Amino acid sequence: MALMLRDGDYVSDGKGGLRTVSGSEEVLDRVLWKLTVRRGSFPFLPELGSRLHLLGQVPAGRRETLARQYAAEALSDEELTVTGVSLSEEEGRTRLAVRMDWKGETLTASVRLEGMA
């Protein structure tokens, strides 16, 4: 069981405490955090996070392949397998959906990517 994080903040349970998550919800919470943290931004944990922020620097035709590579790299310490990724435009912003297999269950995490044209 872990405390739920959203946008870098703990989530209130509405009763003066903090919301907890477990099982697949806990895995998705960690996945979302690892995909949005820039790799190397924590000096004592240089392997934490992803390089997804670099996708805006590569040609559009290579982005989906690199997105899968970067997502798998960021999640390599999790007991799951990245089975696919897709990039889409939503209200002028790029959104990445990462599909994963965790203990026979299909999970999907979706994050907005900054700096993509």
C-alpha atoms as a PDB file:
ATOM      1  CA  MET A   1       0.000   0.000   0.000  1.00  0.00           C
ATOM      2  CA  ALA A   2       1.285   3.477  -0.878  1.00  0.00           C
ATOM      3  CA  LEU A   3       0.136   7.089  -0.701  1.00  0.00           C
ATOM      4  CA  MET A   4      -1.413   8.349  -3.923  1.00  0.00           C
ATOM      5  CA  LEU A   5       0.429  11.092  -5.822  1.00  0.00           C
ATOM      6  CA  ARG A   6      -0.983  13.378  -8.534  1.00  0.00           C
ATOM      7  CA  ASP A   7       1.054  16.148 -10.151  1.00  0.00           C
ATOM      8  CA  GLY A   8       3.702  15.823  -7.422  1.00  0.00           C
ATOM      9  CA  ASP A   9       1.244  16.214  -4.530  1.00  0.00           C
ATOM     10  CA  TYR A  10      -0.386  13.718  -2.199  1.00  0.00           C
ATOM     11  CA  VAL A  11      -4.111  13.256  -2.760  1.00  0.00           C
ATOM     12  CA  SER A  12      -6.544  14.014   0.066  1.00  0.00           C
ATOM     13  CA  ASP A  13      -9.033  11.344   1.063  1.00  0.00           C
ATOM     14  CA  GLY A  14     -11.585  14.071   1.849  1.00  0.00           C
ATOM     15  CA  LYS A  15     -11.555  13.188   5.561  1.00  0.00           C
ATOM     16  CA  GLY A  16      -8.385  14.968   6.662  1.00  0.00           C
ATOM     17  CA  GLY A  17      -6.071  12.148   5.646  1.00  0.00           C
ATOM     18  CA  LEU A  18      -4.285  11.017   2.520  1.00  0.00           C
ATOM     19  CA  ARG A  19      -5.572   8.558  -0.050  1.00  0.00           C
ATOM     20  CA  THR A  20      -3.802   5.215  -0.281  1.00  0.00           C
ATOM     21  CA  VAL A  21      -3.607   2.852  -3.234  1.00  0.00           C
ATOM     22  CA  SER A  22      -2.763  -0.828  -3.600  1.00  0.00           C
ATOM     23  CA  GLY A  23      -2.590  -3.516  -6.266  1.00  0.00           C
ATOM     24  CA  SER A  24      -2.816  -2.372  -9.866  1.00  0.00           C
ATOM     25  CA  GLU A  25      -3.778   1.144  -8.768  1.00  0.00           C
ATOM     26  CA  GLU A  26      -0.504   1.378  -6.818  1.00  0.00           C
ATOM     27  CA  VAL A  27       1.451   0.137  -9.852  1.00  0.00           C
ATOM     28  CA  LEU A  28      -0.232   2.703 -12.118  1.00  0.00           C
ATOM     29  CA  ASP A  29       0.509   5.470  -9.621  1.00  0.00           C
ATOM     30  CA  ARG A  30       4.231   4.571  -9.645  1.00  0.00           C
ATOM     31  CA  VAL A  31       4.210   4.227 -13.440  1.00  0.00           C
ATOM     32  CA  LEU A  32       2.684   7.680 -13.937  1.00  0.00           C
ATOM     33  CA  TRP A  33       5.249   9.198 -11.586  1.00  0.00           C
ATOM     34  CA  LYS A  34       8.195   7.482 -13.286  1.00  0.00           C
ATOM     35  CA  LEU A  35       7.001   8.505 -16.751  1.00  0.00           C
ATOM     36  CA  THR A  36       6.630  12.174 -15.804  1.00  0.00           C
ATOM     37  CA  VAL A  37       9.824  12.633 -13.763  1.00  0.00           C
ATOM     38  CA  ARG A  38      12.770  13.689 -15.923  1.00  0.00           C
ATOM     39  CA  ARG A  39      15.497  11.037 -15.846  1.00  0.00           C
ATOM     40  CA  GLY A  40      18.504  12.350 -13.935  1.00  0.00           C
ATOM     41  CA  SER A  41      16.584  15.023 -12.019  1.00  0.00           C
ATOM     42  CA  PHE A  42      17.242  13.276  -8.678  1.00  0.00           C
ATOM     43  CA  PRO A  43      21.027  13.355  -8.094  1.00  0.00           C
ATOM     44  CA  PHE A  44      21.036  10.351  -5.762  1.00  0.00           C
ATOM     45  CA  LEU A  45      18.735   8.324  -8.027  1.00  0.00           C
ATOM     46  CA  PRO A  46      20.100   9.052 -11.528  1.00  0.00           C
ATOM     47  CA  GLU A  47      18.230   6.106 -13.133  1.00  0.00           C
ATOM     48  CA  LEU A  48      14.823   7.298 -11.881  1.00  0.00           C
ATOM     49  CA  GLY A  49      12.442   8.803 -14.412  1.00  0.00           C
ATOM     50  CA  SER A  50      12.128   8.900 -18.175  1.00  0.00           C
ATOM     51  CA  ARG A  51      13.625  10.607 -21.184  1.00  0.00           C
ATOM     52  CA  LEU A  52      10.198  11.241 -22.732  1.00  0.00           C
ATOM     53  CA  HIS A  53      10.844  14.996 -22.569  1.00  0.00           C
ATOM     54  CA  LEU A  54      13.422  14.499 -25.357  1.00  0.00           C
ATOM     55  CA  LEU A  55      10.831  13.339 -27.912  1.00  0.00           C
ATOM     56  CA  GLY A  56      10.232  16.887 -29.143  1.00  0.00           C
ATOM     57  CA  GLN A  57      13.817  16.954 -30.435  1.00  0.00           C
ATOM     58  CA  VAL A  58      13.405  14.025 -32.838  1.00  0.00           C
ATOM     59  CA  PRO A  59      11.516  13.774 -36.149  1.00  0.00           C
ATOM     60  CA  ALA A  60       7.839  12.874 -35.782  1.00  0.00           C
ATOM     61  CA  GLY A  61       8.346   9.570 -37.613  1.00  0.00           C
ATOM     62  CA  ARG A  62      10.718   8.268 -34.919  1.00  0.00           C
ATOM     63  CA  ARG A  63       8.807   9.454 -31.850  1.00  0.00           C
ATOM     64  CA  GLU A  64       6.589   6.425 -31.251  1.00  0.00           C
ATOM     65  CA  THR A  65       9.525   3.992 -31.407  1.00  0.00           C
ATOM     66  CA  LEU A  66      11.563   6.129 -29.038  1.00  0.00           C
ATOM     67  CA  ALA A  67       8.550   6.629 -26.752  1.00  0.00           C
ATOM     68  CA  ARG A  68       8.290   2.862 -26.320  1.00  0.00           C
ATOM     69  CA  GLN A  69      12.032   2.614 -25.640  1.00  0.00           C
ATOM     70  CA  TYR A  70      11.977   5.494 -23.124  1.00  0.00           C
ATOM     71  CA  ALA A  71       8.874   4.139 -21.346  1.00  0.00           C
ATOM     72  CA  ALA A  72      10.366   0.642 -21.054  1.00  0.00           C
ATOM     73  CA  GLU A  73      13.617   2.154 -19.750  1.00  0.00           C
ATOM     74  CA  ALA A  74      11.784   4.218 -17.108  1.00  0.00           C
ATOM     75  CA  LEU A  75       9.788   1.200 -15.960  1.00  0.00           C
ATOM     76  CA  SER A  76      12.557  -1.413 -16.129  1.00  0.00           C
ATOM     77  CA  ASP A  77      12.567  -1.913 -12.356  1.00  0.00           C
ATOM     78  CA  GLU A  78       8.828  -2.658 -12.255  1.00  0.00           C
ATOM     79  CA  GLU A  79       7.423  -6.182 -12.523  1.00  0.00           C
ATOM     80  CA  LEU A  80       5.584  -5.455 -15.760  1.00  0.00           C
ATOM     81  CA  THR A  81       6.092  -5.514 -19.506  1.00  0.00           C
ATOM     82  CA  VAL A  82       5.469  -2.544 -21.806  1.00  0.00           C
ATOM     83  CA  THR A  83       3.378  -4.029 -24.619  1.00  0.00           C
ATOM     84  CA  GLY A  84       2.729  -0.907 -26.665  1.00  0.00           C
ATOM     85  CA  VAL A  85       2.584   2.850 -26.866  1.00  0.00           C
ATOM     86  CA  SER A  86       0.599   5.344 -28.882  1.00  0.00           C
ATOM     87  CA  LEU A  87       0.936   9.080 -29.383  1.00  0.00           C
ATOM     88  CA  SER A  88      -2.086  11.263 -30.062  1.00  0.00           C
ATOM     89  CA  GLU A  89      -2.963  14.933 -30.279  1.00  0.00           C
ATOM     90  CA  GLU A  90      -5.525  16.232 -27.798  1.00  0.00           C
ATOM     91  CA  GLU A  91      -6.456  19.931 -27.742  1.00  0.00           C
ATOM     92  CA  GLY A  92      -3.130  20.854 -29.337  1.00  0.00           C
ATOM     93  CA  ARG A  93      -1.095  18.773 -26.878  1.00  0.00           C
ATOM     94  CA  THR A  94       0.582  15.423 -27.327  1.00  0.00           C
ATOM     95  CA  ARG A  95      -0.618  12.557 -25.153  1.00  0.00           C
ATOM     96  CA  LEU A  96       1.230   9.277 -24.693  1.00  0.00           C
ATOM     97  CA  ALA A  97      -0.631   6.088 -23.784  1.00  0.00           C
ATOM     98  CA  VAL A  98       1.504   3.220 -22.500  1.00  0.00           C
ATOM     99  CA  ARG A  99       0.010  -0.281 -22.438  1.00  0.00           C
ATOM    100  CA  MET A 100       1.511  -2.782 -20.016  1.00  0.00           C
ATOM    101  CA  ASP A 101       1.028  -6.338 -18.837  1.00  0.00           C
ATOM    102  CA  TRP A 102       1.168  -6.722 -15.032  1.00  0.00           C
ATOM    103  CA  LYS A 103       0.496 -10.162 -13.565  1.00  0.00           C
ATOM    104  CA  GLY A 104      -1.757 -11.063 -16.498  1.00  0.00           C
ATOM    105  CA  GLU A 105      -3.698  -7.790 -16.271  1.00  0.00           C
ATOM    106  CA  THR A 106      -3.564  -5.136 -18.981  1.00  0.00           C
ATOM    107  CA  LEU A 107      -2.880  -1.668 -17.594  1.00  0.00           C
ATOM    108  CA  THR A 108      -2.825   1.634 -19.476  1.00  0.00           C
ATOM    109  CA  ALA A 109      -1.169   4.841 -18.315  1.00  0.00           C
ATOM    110  CA  SER A 110      -1.711   8.104 -20.139  1.00  0.00           C
ATOM    111  CA  VAL A 111       0.482  11.196 -19.749  1.00  0.00           C
ATOM    112  CA  ARG A 112       0.645  14.563 -21.456  1.00  0.00           C
ATOM    113  CA  LEU A 113       3.997  15.343 -23.041  1.00  0.00           C
ATOM    114  CA  GLU A 114       5.354  18.871 -22.943  1.00  0.00           C
ATOM    115  CA  GLY A 115       7.339  20.601 -25.682  1.00  0.00           C
ATOM    116  CA  MET A 116       5.996  18.577 -28.594  1.00  0.00           C
ATOM    117  CA  ALA A 117       5.072  20.204 -31.873  1.00  0.00           C
END
